[in-house]
């Protein structure tokens, strides 16, 4: 545990393996993927309350991408 605390102080974050059960991680991953795809339904940058979804056509990726959300 001390190593995790030290990484937190050095890096500003720490990876704690096993903190969530595998089925919880699957649900979290599915929700994150859903949220990640939601802005792509729009074809331009838009704001939803206090979130800015910057939707750009990326020729190198060959698709639209969201830079921040």
N, C-alpha and C. Protein backbone atom coordinates (compact mmCIF):
# COMPACT_ATOMS: atom_id res chain seq x y z
N UNK A 1 0.82 -1.19 0.00
CA UNK A 1 0.00 0.00 0.00
C UNK A 1 0.87 1.26 0.00
N UNK A 2 1.99 1.22 0.67
CA UNK A 2 2.88 2.38 0.72
C UNK A 2 3.38 2.75 -0.68
N UNK A 3 3.63 1.73 -1.50
CA UNK A 3 4.08 1.99 -2.87
C UNK A 3 3.01 2.73 -3.67
N UNK A 4 1.75 2.37 -3.47
CA UNK A 4 0.63 3.04 -4.15
C UNK A 4 0.58 4.50 -3.72
N UNK A 5 0.74 4.76 -2.44
CA UNK A 5 0.72 6.14 -1.92
C UNK A 5 1.88 6.94 -2.48
N UNK A 6 3.04 6.34 -2.57
CA UNK A 6 4.21 7.03 -3.14
C UNK A 6 3.98 7.36 -4.60
N UNK A 7 3.41 6.42 -5.39
CA UNK A 7 3.13 6.68 -6.80
C UNK A 7 2.14 7.83 -6.93
N UNK A 8 1.16 7.86 -6.03
CA UNK A 8 0.18 8.94 -6.05
C UNK A 8 0.85 10.29 -5.85
N UNK A 9 1.77 10.36 -4.92
CA UNK A 9 2.47 11.62 -4.66
C UNK A 9 3.42 12.00 -5.80
N UNK A 10 4.07 11.02 -6.39
CA UNK A 10 5.03 11.30 -7.47
C UNK A 10 4.32 11.63 -8.78
N UNK A 11 3.34 10.78 -9.16
CA UNK A 11 2.71 10.89 -10.48
C UNK A 11 1.40 11.67 -10.47
N UNK A 12 0.79 11.83 -9.31
CA UNK A 12 -0.50 12.50 -9.24
C UNK A 12 -1.67 11.55 -9.43
N UNK A 13 -1.38 10.27 -9.65
CA UNK A 13 -2.40 9.23 -9.75
C UNK A 13 -1.75 7.91 -9.37
N UNK A 14 -2.55 6.93 -9.09
CA UNK A 14 -2.03 5.60 -8.79
C UNK A 14 -2.97 4.56 -9.39
N UNK A 15 -2.42 3.48 -9.86
CA UNK A 15 -3.19 2.36 -10.37
C UNK A 15 -3.31 1.34 -9.25
N UNK A 16 -4.54 1.05 -8.88
CA UNK A 16 -4.79 0.09 -7.79
C UNK A 16 -5.48 -1.12 -8.42
N UNK A 17 -4.71 -2.13 -8.72
CA UNK A 17 -5.25 -3.33 -9.35
C UNK A 17 -6.15 -4.08 -8.37
N UNK A 18 -7.26 -4.59 -8.91
CA UNK A 18 -8.19 -5.36 -8.10
C UNK A 18 -9.14 -4.52 -7.26
N UNK A 19 -9.12 -3.20 -7.44
CA UNK A 19 -10.00 -2.33 -6.66
C UNK A 19 -11.46 -2.59 -7.00
N UNK A 20 -11.75 -2.80 -8.30
CA UNK A 20 -13.09 -3.15 -8.74
C UNK A 20 -13.10 -4.60 -9.19
N UNK A 21 -14.21 -5.28 -8.98
CA UNK A 21 -14.38 -6.65 -9.47
C UNK A 21 -14.47 -6.63 -11.00
N UNK A 22 -14.17 -7.77 -11.62
CA UNK A 22 -14.16 -7.86 -13.09
C UNK A 22 -15.51 -7.48 -13.70
N UNK A 23 -16.62 -7.92 -13.11
CA UNK A 23 -17.92 -7.58 -13.68
C UNK A 23 -18.23 -6.10 -13.54
N UNK A 24 -17.75 -5.47 -12.47
CA UNK A 24 -17.89 -4.01 -12.34
C UNK A 24 -17.10 -3.31 -13.43
N UNK A 25 -15.90 -3.79 -13.71
CA UNK A 25 -15.06 -3.17 -14.75
C UNK A 25 -15.71 -3.31 -16.12
N UNK A 26 -16.37 -4.43 -16.37
CA UNK A 26 -17.08 -4.60 -17.65
C UNK A 26 -18.19 -3.56 -17.78
N UNK A 27 -18.96 -3.36 -16.72
CA UNK A 27 -20.04 -2.37 -16.75
C UNK A 27 -19.47 -0.95 -16.90
N UNK A 28 -18.40 -0.65 -16.19
CA UNK A 28 -17.77 0.67 -16.29
C UNK A 28 -17.25 0.89 -17.70
N UNK A 29 -16.60 -0.14 -18.26
CA UNK A 29 -16.08 -0.03 -19.63
C UNK A 29 -17.17 0.18 -20.66
N UNK A 30 -18.28 -0.54 -20.49
CA UNK A 30 -19.40 -0.39 -21.43
C UNK A 30 -20.00 1.01 -21.35
N UNK A 31 -20.13 1.54 -20.15
CA UNK A 31 -20.68 2.89 -19.99
C UNK A 31 -19.72 3.93 -20.55
N UNK A 32 -18.43 3.75 -20.32
CA UNK A 32 -17.43 4.68 -20.88
C UNK A 32 -17.48 4.66 -22.41
N UNK A 33 -17.62 3.49 -23.00
CA UNK A 33 -17.71 3.39 -24.46
C UNK A 33 -18.97 4.07 -24.98
N UNK A 34 -20.08 3.90 -24.26
CA UNK A 34 -21.33 4.55 -24.66
C UNK A 34 -21.20 6.07 -24.63
N UNK A 35 -20.61 6.57 -23.56
CA UNK A 35 -20.42 8.01 -23.42
C UNK A 35 -19.45 8.52 -24.48
N UNK A 36 -18.43 7.74 -24.80
CA UNK A 36 -17.44 8.13 -25.81
C UNK A 36 -18.07 8.23 -27.19
N UNK A 37 -19.06 7.40 -27.49
CA UNK A 37 -19.71 7.40 -28.80
C UNK A 37 -20.80 8.45 -28.93
N UNK A 38 -21.37 8.88 -27.82
CA UNK A 38 -22.50 9.81 -27.85
C UNK A 38 -22.21 11.09 -28.64
N UNK A 39 -21.07 11.76 -28.43
CA UNK A 39 -20.82 12.99 -29.19
C UNK A 39 -20.69 12.76 -30.69
N UNK A 40 -20.34 11.55 -31.11
CA UNK A 40 -20.15 11.28 -32.53
C UNK A 40 -21.48 11.26 -33.29
N UNK A 41 -22.60 11.25 -32.57
CA UNK A 41 -23.90 11.35 -33.23
C UNK A 41 -24.10 12.75 -33.80
N UNK A 42 -23.35 13.71 -33.30
CA UNK A 42 -23.38 15.09 -33.80
C UNK A 42 -22.25 15.26 -34.80
N UNK A 43 -22.46 16.09 -35.79
CA UNK A 43 -21.47 16.24 -36.84
C UNK A 43 -20.65 17.51 -36.69
N UNK A 44 -20.79 18.16 -35.55
CA UNK A 44 -20.04 19.39 -35.31
C UNK A 44 -19.87 19.56 -33.81
N UNK A 45 -18.96 20.42 -33.44
CA UNK A 45 -18.73 20.74 -32.04
C UNK A 45 -20.00 21.31 -31.43
N UNK A 46 -20.32 20.87 -30.24
CA UNK A 46 -21.50 21.39 -29.57
C UNK A 46 -21.29 21.38 -28.06
N UNK A 47 -22.14 22.12 -27.37
CA UNK A 47 -22.07 22.22 -25.92
C UNK A 47 -23.34 21.62 -25.33
N UNK A 48 -23.15 20.83 -24.27
CA UNK A 48 -24.26 20.27 -23.51
C UNK A 48 -24.05 20.67 -22.06
N UNK A 49 -24.78 21.68 -21.63
CA UNK A 49 -24.61 22.27 -20.29
C UNK A 49 -23.17 22.74 -20.12
N UNK A 50 -22.41 22.15 -19.20
CA UNK A 50 -21.05 22.65 -18.99
C UNK A 50 -20.00 21.80 -19.71
N UNK A 51 -20.42 20.89 -20.61
CA UNK A 51 -19.46 20.07 -21.35
C UNK A 51 -19.36 20.55 -22.79
N UNK A 52 -18.15 20.66 -23.28
CA UNK A 52 -17.92 21.00 -24.68
C UNK A 52 -17.44 19.75 -25.39
N UNK A 53 -18.17 19.33 -26.40
CA UNK A 53 -17.80 18.18 -27.21
C UNK A 53 -17.22 18.71 -28.52
N UNK A 54 -15.93 18.61 -28.68
CA UNK A 54 -15.27 19.10 -29.88
C UNK A 54 -15.16 17.96 -30.89
N UNK A 55 -16.07 17.98 -31.87
CA UNK A 55 -16.15 16.91 -32.86
C UNK A 55 -15.47 17.41 -34.14
N UNK A 56 -14.43 16.71 -34.55
CA UNK A 56 -13.66 17.11 -35.72
C UNK A 56 -13.50 15.94 -36.69
N UNK A 57 -13.50 16.24 -37.97
CA UNK A 57 -13.21 15.23 -38.99
C UNK A 57 -11.69 15.08 -39.05
N UNK A 58 -11.19 13.91 -38.77
CA UNK A 58 -9.75 13.66 -38.77
C UNK A 58 -9.38 12.83 -40.00
N UNK A 59 -8.79 13.46 -41.02
CA UNK A 59 -8.47 12.73 -42.25
C UNK A 59 -7.47 11.59 -42.01
N UNK A 60 -6.56 11.77 -41.07
CA UNK A 60 -5.59 10.70 -40.80
C UNK A 60 -6.26 9.49 -40.16
N UNK A 61 -7.25 9.73 -39.31
CA UNK A 61 -7.98 8.62 -38.69
C UNK A 61 -9.05 8.07 -39.62
N UNK A 62 -9.44 8.88 -40.61
CA UNK A 62 -10.48 8.47 -41.54
C UNK A 62 -11.88 8.48 -40.93
N UNK A 63 -12.05 9.30 -39.88
CA UNK A 63 -13.34 9.36 -39.21
C UNK A 63 -13.40 10.61 -38.34
N UNK A 64 -14.56 10.87 -37.78
CA UNK A 64 -14.69 11.96 -36.82
C UNK A 64 -14.13 11.51 -35.47
N UNK A 65 -13.55 12.45 -34.77
CA UNK A 65 -12.99 12.18 -33.44
C UNK A 65 -13.49 13.25 -32.48
N UNK A 66 -13.48 12.92 -31.20
CA UNK A 66 -13.84 13.87 -30.16
C UNK A 66 -12.57 14.16 -29.37
N UNK A 67 -12.10 15.41 -29.40
CA UNK A 67 -10.86 15.74 -28.74
C UNK A 67 -11.00 15.86 -27.23
N UNK A 68 -12.12 16.35 -26.80
CA UNK A 68 -12.36 16.44 -25.35
C UNK A 68 -13.85 16.32 -25.13
N UNK A 69 -14.19 15.89 -23.96
CA UNK A 69 -15.62 15.81 -23.63
C UNK A 69 -15.78 15.92 -22.14
